[in-house]
Amino acid sequence: MDKFRSRRVQIQTPEADRNNGETETLEPENRSRPSENNVSEDQEPFMGMKVRRRASLHRDYRGDYLDVPSQYALMKILDKQGDRKVLFADKVLKFTGSGKIKRRVLLITESTIYIVSPETGALKRRIALNAVEKLCLSELSDNFFAIVIPSEFDILMASTRKSEIVTVLVDAIKSLSDYELEVAFSNTFEYHAAAELIKEVLFEEVEGGIKTRIVVK
């Protein structure tokens, strides 16, 4: 059996979030440059580190894209946990340990991350923010990010609102515990897809887009 099993993953970006033909730009390293969206420069975790789509630089951060107060199943979960203030809510793609791609609702509150099934409203996972050690992203303009949770197992997701998710997590953890959450940028990174399963994500910029492979180690 081969040492590695690889799988190429392509994420279709919804029409409303596509780049409309804009060229990709590399953020300059000079941090004195003001941020080009409504997030202050102190909140922007990508400055000088990551290729960004021009459209994403001008996108406002709304937080709740699902109108959570009107969603009975989501409010029931939050009420049960005594959690009320939603910092972020949206549908994302989650990669399972077996390599499947599942649609999930991602909720971030002041203390907790919730992963919920959009079909059934069932709570799939609840993670305390103080259990998060770091975030892993590529240096390219893809939608992938990994949340590293050493005490459990990690999460690999994809979202067209990745920038906002990262910013919200960095700020929430800073407010909660005064911990500066590490945001690591590399075009190759590992994550624990399950307790005993390590996968490697590889990103490569090619003509016409970005090629992404997930490799079982």
Protein backbone atom coordinates (compact mmCIF):
# COMPACT_ATOMS: atom_id res chain seq x y z
CA MET A 1 0.00 0.00 0.00
CA ASP A 2 1.30 3.45 -0.84
CA LYS A 3 2.56 5.53 2.05
CA PHE A 4 0.40 8.43 0.98
CA ARG A 5 -3.13 8.60 -0.38
CA SER A 6 -3.88 11.92 -1.98
CA ARG A 7 -7.11 13.57 -3.01
CA ARG A 8 -7.57 16.76 -4.97
CA VAL A 9 -10.32 19.00 -3.66
CA GLN A 10 -11.96 21.79 -5.61
CA ILE A 11 -14.32 24.22 -3.90
CA GLN A 12 -16.93 25.98 -6.01
CA THR A 13 -17.31 29.57 -4.88
CA PRO A 14 -20.95 30.75 -4.82
CA GLU A 15 -21.79 33.31 -7.50
CA ALA A 16 -22.41 36.04 -4.97
CA ASP A 17 -18.91 35.67 -3.53
CA ARG A 18 -16.85 35.24 -6.68
CA ASN A 19 -14.10 37.64 -7.61
CA ASN A 20 -15.85 39.05 -10.69
CA GLY A 21 -12.66 38.78 -12.70
CA GLU A 22 -10.59 40.88 -10.30
CA THR A 23 -6.91 40.04 -10.14
CA GLU A 24 -5.35 38.72 -6.96
CA THR A 25 -3.19 41.11 -4.98
CA LEU A 26 -0.47 40.54 -2.42
CA GLU A 27 -0.81 42.58 0.74
CA PRO A 28 2.32 44.71 1.31
CA GLU A 29 4.46 44.07 4.37
CA ASN A 30 4.22 47.64 5.62
CA ARG A 31 1.75 47.40 8.50
CA SER A 32 1.28 51.18 8.64
CA ARG A 33 -0.95 50.84 5.59
CA PRO A 34 -4.62 51.23 6.64
CA SER A 35 -6.94 48.28 6.27
CA GLU A 36 -9.17 48.44 3.18
CA ASN A 37 -12.34 47.18 4.82
CA ASN A 38 -14.29 48.20 7.89
CA VAL A 39 -12.04 46.16 10.21
CA SER A 40 -9.28 48.04 11.99
CA GLU A 41 -5.70 47.12 11.19
CA ASP A 42 -5.22 45.64 14.67
CA GLN A 43 -8.00 43.16 13.86
CA GLU A 44 -6.72 42.16 10.41
CA PRO A 45 -4.64 38.95 10.79
CA PHE A 46 -3.52 38.73 7.15
CA MET A 47 -1.57 41.94 6.63
CA GLY A 48 1.73 41.21 4.87
CA MET A 49 1.15 37.47 4.90
CA LYS A 50 -1.43 36.32 2.40
CA VAL A 51 -2.57 36.71 -1.19
CA ARG A 52 -6.07 38.19 -1.03
CA ARG A 53 -8.80 38.53 -3.63
CA ARG A 54 -9.47 42.20 -4.28
CA ALA A 55 -13.19 41.63 -3.63
CA SER A 56 -12.44 40.31 -0.14
CA LEU A 57 -10.52 43.47 0.75
CA HIS A 58 -13.66 45.55 0.41
CA ARG A 59 -16.15 43.16 1.98
CA ASP A 60 -17.89 44.36 5.14
CA TYR A 61 -18.01 42.03 8.13
CA ARG A 62 -21.59 41.37 9.23
CA GLY A 63 -21.14 38.54 11.71
CA ASP A 64 -24.53 36.82 11.64
CA TYR A 65 -25.38 35.74 8.07
CA LEU A 66 -28.15 33.37 9.17
CA ASP A 67 -30.30 35.63 11.33
CA VAL A 68 -29.76 33.29 14.27
CA PRO A 69 -32.54 34.78 16.48
CA SER A 70 -35.05 33.58 13.88
CA GLN A 71 -33.60 30.05 13.75
CA TYR A 72 -35.36 27.91 16.36
CA ALA A 73 -32.90 24.98 16.25
CA LEU A 74 -29.87 27.25 16.65
CA MET A 75 -31.42 29.27 19.45
CA LYS A 76 -32.35 26.05 21.26
CA ILE A 77 -28.68 24.98 21.21
CA LEU A 78 -27.49 28.37 22.46
CA ASP A 79 -30.15 28.56 25.17
CA LYS A 80 -29.23 25.11 26.46
CA GLN A 81 -25.61 26.22 26.85
CA GLY A 82 -26.52 29.62 28.27
CA ASP A 83 -24.89 31.27 25.27
CA ARG A 84 -26.55 34.31 23.74
CA LYS A 85 -24.15 36.63 21.92
CA VAL A 86 -23.35 35.35 18.42
CA LEU A 87 -20.18 36.78 16.91
CA PHE A 88 -20.37 34.82 13.67
CA ALA A 89 -22.87 32.49 11.98
CA ASP A 90 -22.78 31.07 8.48
CA LYS A 91 -22.81 27.85 6.48
CA VAL A 92 -19.41 26.33 5.74
CA LEU A 93 -17.91 23.16 4.29
CA LYS A 94 -16.31 20.74 6.74
CA PHE A 95 -13.94 17.91 5.83
CA THR A 96 -14.46 14.69 7.78
CA GLY A 97 -11.81 12.21 8.87
CA SER A 98 -12.96 9.84 6.12
CA GLY A 99 -12.46 12.50 3.46
CA LYS A 100 -16.08 13.43 2.91
CA ILE A 101 -17.26 17.03 2.59
CA LYS A 102 -20.21 18.00 4.76
CA ARG A 103 -22.21 21.21 4.85
CA ARG A 104 -22.31 22.61 8.35
CA VAL A 105 -23.40 25.69 10.25
CA LEU A 106 -20.54 27.39 12.06
CA LEU A 107 -21.50 29.43 15.12
CA ILE A 108 -18.95 31.41 17.11
CA THR A 109 -19.91 33.03 20.40
CA GLU A 110 -17.82 34.84 23.02
CA SER A 111 -16.69 31.51 24.51
CA THR A 112 -17.55 28.66 22.17
CA ILE A 113 -17.47 27.25 18.64
CA TYR A 114 -20.54 25.24 17.58
CA ILE A 115 -20.73 22.94 14.55
CA VAL A 116 -24.34 22.19 13.61
CA SER A 117 -26.02 20.12 10.89
CA PRO A 118 -28.04 22.49 8.66
CA GLU A 119 -30.40 19.70 7.68
CA THR A 120 -31.37 18.40 11.12
CA GLY A 121 -30.32 21.22 13.44
CA ALA A 122 -28.35 18.68 15.49
CA LEU A 123 -25.28 19.84 17.38
CA LYS A 124 -22.31 17.95 15.92
CA ARG A 125 -19.53 19.46 17.99
CA ARG A 126 -19.00 22.05 20.70
CA ILE A 127 -15.51 23.46 21.28
CA ALA A 128 -14.45 25.88 24.00
CA LEU A 129 -12.49 28.79 22.56
CA ASN A 130 -9.81 28.36 25.21
CA ALA A 131 -9.09 24.89 23.75
CA VAL A 132 -8.02 26.38 20.40
CA GLU A 133 -4.25 26.56 20.02
CA LYS A 134 -3.81 28.05 16.54
CA LEU A 135 -5.22 28.48 13.06
CA CYS A 136 -3.53 27.19 9.90
CA LEU A 137 -3.99 28.81 6.49
CA SER A 138 -2.21 28.76 3.18
CA GLU A 139 -0.49 31.84 1.76
CA LEU A 140 -2.78 31.78 -1.29
CA SER A 141 -6.29 33.07 -2.02
CA ASP A 142 -8.14 29.85 -1.25
CA ASN A 143 -10.99 29.33 1.23
CA PHE A 144 -9.42 26.71 3.50
CA PHE A 145 -8.56 27.03 7.19
CA ALA A 146 -7.78 24.57 9.97
CA ILE A 147 -8.63 25.08 13.64
CA VAL A 148 -6.05 23.26 15.77
CA ILE A 149 -7.40 21.83 19.06
CA PRO A 150 -4.68 19.71 20.77
CA SER A 151 -6.92 18.36 23.55
CA GLU A 152 -9.37 16.90 21.01
CA PHE A 153 -8.88 16.80 17.24
CA ASP A 154 -8.67 19.51 14.63
CA ILE A 155 -11.17 20.87 12.10
CA LEU A 156 -10.55 21.60 8.43
CA MET A 157 -13.12 23.86 6.80
CA ALA A 158 -13.67 26.02 3.75
CA SER A 159 -15.60 29.27 3.61
CA THR A 160 -15.70 32.29 1.33
CA ARG A 161 -15.80 34.30 4.59
CA LYS A 162 -12.60 32.81 5.97
CA SER A 163 -11.05 36.22 6.64
CA GLU A 164 -13.94 37.19 8.87
CA ILE A 165 -13.93 33.85 10.70
CA VAL A 166 -10.23 34.15 11.48
CA THR A 167 -10.61 37.75 12.65
CA VAL A 168 -13.55 36.85 14.90
CA LEU A 169 -11.68 33.92 16.46
CA VAL A 170 -8.53 35.96 17.09
CA ASP A 171 -10.49 38.78 18.73
CA ALA A 172 -12.78 36.50 20.76
CA ILE A 173 -9.91 34.47 22.20
CA LYS A 174 -7.98 37.65 22.98
CA SER A 175 -11.00 39.05 24.83
CA LEU A 176 -11.67 35.79 26.65
CA SER A 177 -8.21 34.88 27.89
CA ASP A 178 -5.78 37.58 26.72
CA TYR A 179 -4.16 34.84 24.60
CA GLU A 180 -2.72 35.88 21.25
CA LEU A 181 -4.00 33.16 18.97
CA GLU A 182 -1.34 32.05 16.51
CA VAL A 183 -2.30 32.30 12.84
CA ALA A 184 0.19 30.18 10.89
CA PHE A 185 0.61 30.61 7.14
CA SER A 186 2.09 27.84 5.02
CA ASN A 187 1.26 26.19 1.72
CA THR A 188 1.68 22.84 3.45
CA PHE A 189 0.29 22.09 6.90
CA GLU A 190 -0.83 19.11 8.93
CA TYR A 191 -3.94 18.64 11.02
CA HIS A 192 -5.41 15.83 13.12
CA ALA A 193 -8.55 14.80 11.26
CA ALA A 194 -9.22 12.37 14.12
CA ALA A 195 -7.40 11.43 17.32
CA GLU A 196 -5.05 9.02 15.52
CA LEU A 197 -5.36 10.30 11.94
CA ILE A 198 -2.99 12.96 10.62
CA LYS A 199 -3.60 14.55 7.23
CA GLU A 200 -1.52 16.98 5.25
CA VAL A 201 -3.00 19.75 3.11
CA LEU A 202 -0.94 20.97 0.17
CA PHE A 203 -1.64 24.10 -1.85
CA GLU A 204 -0.14 25.00 -5.20
CA GLU A 205 -0.87 27.95 -7.43
CA VAL A 206 -1.33 26.77 -11.00
CA GLU A 207 -2.55 28.34 -14.20
CA GLY A 208 -6.23 29.00 -13.85
CA GLY A 209 -6.43 28.73 -10.07
CA ILE A 210 -5.18 26.88 -7.00
CA LYS A 211 -4.71 23.14 -6.72
CA THR A 212 -5.38 21.66 -3.30
CA ARG A 213 -4.54 18.11 -2.20
CA ILE A 214 -5.35 16.41 1.09
CA VAL A 215 -2.90 13.62 1.88
CA VAL A 216 -3.28 10.90 4.50
CA LYS A 217 0.06 10.38 6.24
